[in-house]
């Protein structure tokens, strides 16, 4: 059987295809990594939000114990008791 050789154009096309596949695979990997980082950041934000809500509840209980039930005006710094 005689050795068959690809034409330079065929080699170029195959090389371009291989390179394009490699670039796409790398791009997909980068995109997946970014998605993972965004998900991690989102989870961190959720934890921070939960901690903030817990602080809010704690402070509300402290103020209610001290002043009773009512509302607070941050504009005037006044406590307005419920009547």
C-alpha atoms as a PDB file:
ATOM      1  CA  UNK A   1       0.000   0.000   0.000  1.00  0.00           C
ATOM      2  CA  UNK A   2       1.333   3.367  -1.014  1.00  0.00           C
ATOM      3  CA  UNK A   3       1.811   6.039   1.623  1.00  0.00           C
ATOM      4  CA  UNK A   4      -0.758   8.795   1.223  1.00  0.00           C
ATOM      5  CA  UNK A   5       0.001  12.327   2.327  1.00  0.00           C
ATOM      6  CA  UNK A   6      -2.510  15.009   3.116  1.00  0.00           C
ATOM      7  CA  UNK A   7      -2.417  18.198   1.140  1.00  0.00           C
ATOM      8  CA  UNK A   8      -1.170  21.340   2.903  1.00  0.00           C
ATOM      9  CA  UNK A   9      -4.723  22.738   2.781  1.00  0.00           C
ATOM     10  CA  UNK A  10      -6.122  19.638   4.486  1.00  0.00           C
ATOM     11  CA  UNK A  11      -3.452  19.824   7.174  1.00  0.00           C
ATOM     12  CA  UNK A  12      -4.258  23.513   7.669  1.00  0.00           C
ATOM     13  CA  UNK A  13      -7.985  22.791   8.019  1.00  0.00           C
ATOM     14  CA  UNK A  14      -7.383  19.955  10.482  1.00  0.00           C
ATOM     15  CA  UNK A  15      -4.968  22.073  12.499  1.00  0.00           C
ATOM     16  CA  UNK A  16      -7.446  24.966  12.594  1.00  0.00           C
ATOM     17  CA  UNK A  17     -10.217  22.613  13.740  1.00  0.00           C
ATOM     18  CA  UNK A  18      -8.046  21.165  16.495  1.00  0.00           C
ATOM     19  CA  UNK A  19      -6.978  24.632  17.645  1.00  0.00           C
ATOM     20  CA  UNK A  20     -10.568  25.855  17.656  1.00  0.00           C
ATOM     21  CA  UNK A  21     -11.653  22.866  19.743  1.00  0.00           C
ATOM     22  CA  UNK A  22      -8.841  23.503  22.214  1.00  0.00           C
ATOM     23  CA  UNK A  23      -9.775  27.183  22.481  1.00  0.00           C
ATOM     24  CA  UNK A  24     -13.440  26.316  23.039  1.00  0.00           C
ATOM     25  CA  UNK A  25     -12.610  23.742  25.688  1.00  0.00           C
ATOM     26  CA  UNK A  26     -10.401  26.286  27.452  1.00  0.00           C
ATOM     27  CA  UNK A  27     -13.149  28.913  27.199  1.00  0.00           C
ATOM     28  CA  UNK A  28     -15.713  26.512  28.638  1.00  0.00           C
ATOM     29  CA  UNK A  29     -13.335  25.735  31.485  1.00  0.00           C
ATOM     30  CA  UNK A  30     -12.840  29.435  32.178  1.00  0.00           C
ATOM     31  CA  UNK A  31     -16.584  30.068  32.073  1.00  0.00           C
ATOM     32  CA  UNK A  32     -17.219  27.182  34.475  1.00  0.00           C
ATOM     33  CA  UNK A  33     -14.576  28.538  36.824  1.00  0.00           C
ATOM     34  CA  UNK A  34     -16.215  31.979  36.752  1.00  0.00           C
ATOM     35  CA  UNK A  35     -19.619  30.403  37.436  1.00  0.00           C
ATOM     36  CA  UNK A  36     -18.170  28.570  40.423  1.00  0.00           C
ATOM     37  CA  UNK A  37     -16.623  31.785  41.734  1.00  0.00           C
ATOM     38  CA  UNK A  38     -19.922  33.666  41.309  1.00  0.00           C
ATOM     39  CA  UNK A  39     -21.784  30.900  43.127  1.00  0.00           C
ATOM     40  CA  UNK A  40     -19.263  31.000  45.960  1.00  0.00           C
ATOM     41  CA  UNK A  41     -19.573  34.782  46.185  1.00  0.00           C
ATOM     42  CA  UNK A  42     -23.382  34.478  46.158  1.00  0.00           C
ATOM     43  CA  UNK A  43     -23.231  32.035  49.075  1.00  0.00           C
ATOM     44  CA  UNK A  44     -20.948  34.418  50.973  1.00  0.00           C
ATOM     45  CA  UNK A  45     -23.444  37.262  50.390  1.00  0.00           C
ATOM     46  CA  UNK A  46     -26.280  35.060  51.654  1.00  0.00           C
ATOM     47  CA  UNK A  47     -24.324  34.335  54.833  1.00  0.00           C
ATOM     48  CA  UNK A  48     -23.614  38.040  55.329  1.00  0.00           C
ATOM     49  CA  UNK A  49     -27.297  38.846  54.814  1.00  0.00           C
ATOM     50  CA  UNK A  50     -28.324  36.204  57.338  1.00  0.00           C
ATOM     51  CA  UNK A  51     -25.827  37.566  59.878  1.00  0.00           C
ATOM     52  CA  UNK A  52     -27.134  41.088  59.312  1.00  0.00           C
ATOM     53  CA  UNK A  53     -30.724  39.921  59.827  1.00  0.00           C
ATOM     54  CA  UNK A  54     -29.696  38.185  63.061  1.00  0.00           C
ATOM     55  CA  UNK A  55     -28.067  41.404  64.296  1.00  0.00           C
ATOM     56  CA  UNK A  56     -31.235  43.308  63.396  1.00  0.00           C
ATOM     57  CA  UNK A  57     -33.402  40.886  65.391  1.00  0.00           C
ATOM     58  CA  UNK A  58     -31.045  41.059  68.371  1.00  0.00           C
ATOM     59  CA  UNK A  59     -30.993  44.852  68.346  1.00  0.00           C
ATOM     60  CA  UNK A  60     -34.776  45.026  67.976  1.00  0.00           C
ATOM     61  CA  UNK A  61     -35.190  42.766  71.026  1.00  0.00           C
ATOM     62  CA  UNK A  62     -32.736  44.866  73.042  1.00  0.00           C
ATOM     63  CA  UNK A  63     -34.522  48.095  72.151  1.00  0.00           C
ATOM     64  CA  UNK A  64     -37.921  46.586  72.848  1.00  0.00           C
ATOM     65  CA  UNK A  65     -36.731  45.403  76.253  1.00  0.00           C
ATOM     66  CA  UNK A  66     -35.400  48.857  77.040  1.00  0.00           C
ATOM     67  CA  UNK A  67     -38.165  51.041  75.551  1.00  0.00           C
ATOM     68  CA  UNK A  68     -41.151  48.747  75.040  1.00  0.00           C
ATOM     69  CA  UNK A  69     -43.065  48.299  71.813  1.00  0.00           C
ATOM     70  CA  UNK A  70     -43.133  51.195  69.417  1.00  0.00           C
ATOM     71  CA  UNK A  71     -41.334  52.727  66.492  1.00  0.00           C
ATOM     72  CA  UNK A  72     -38.082  54.603  66.185  1.00  0.00           C
ATOM     73  CA  UNK A  73     -37.564  57.668  64.040  1.00  0.00           C
ATOM     74  CA  UNK A  74     -33.991  57.759  62.773  1.00  0.00           C
ATOM     75  CA  UNK A  75     -34.589  61.316  61.546  1.00  0.00           C
ATOM     76  CA  UNK A  76     -35.311  62.639  65.051  1.00  0.00           C
ATOM     77  CA  UNK A  77     -33.722  59.814  67.110  1.00  0.00           C
ATOM     78  CA  UNK A  78     -37.028  59.516  68.993  1.00  0.00           C
ATOM     79  CA  UNK A  79     -38.783  56.453  70.269  1.00  0.00           C
ATOM     80  CA  UNK A  80     -42.516  56.641  69.722  1.00  0.00           C
ATOM     81  CA  UNK A  81     -44.365  54.164  71.956  1.00  0.00           C
ATOM     82  CA  UNK A  82     -47.403  52.286  70.724  1.00  0.00           C
ATOM     83  CA  UNK A  83     -50.498  53.620  72.406  1.00  0.00           C
END
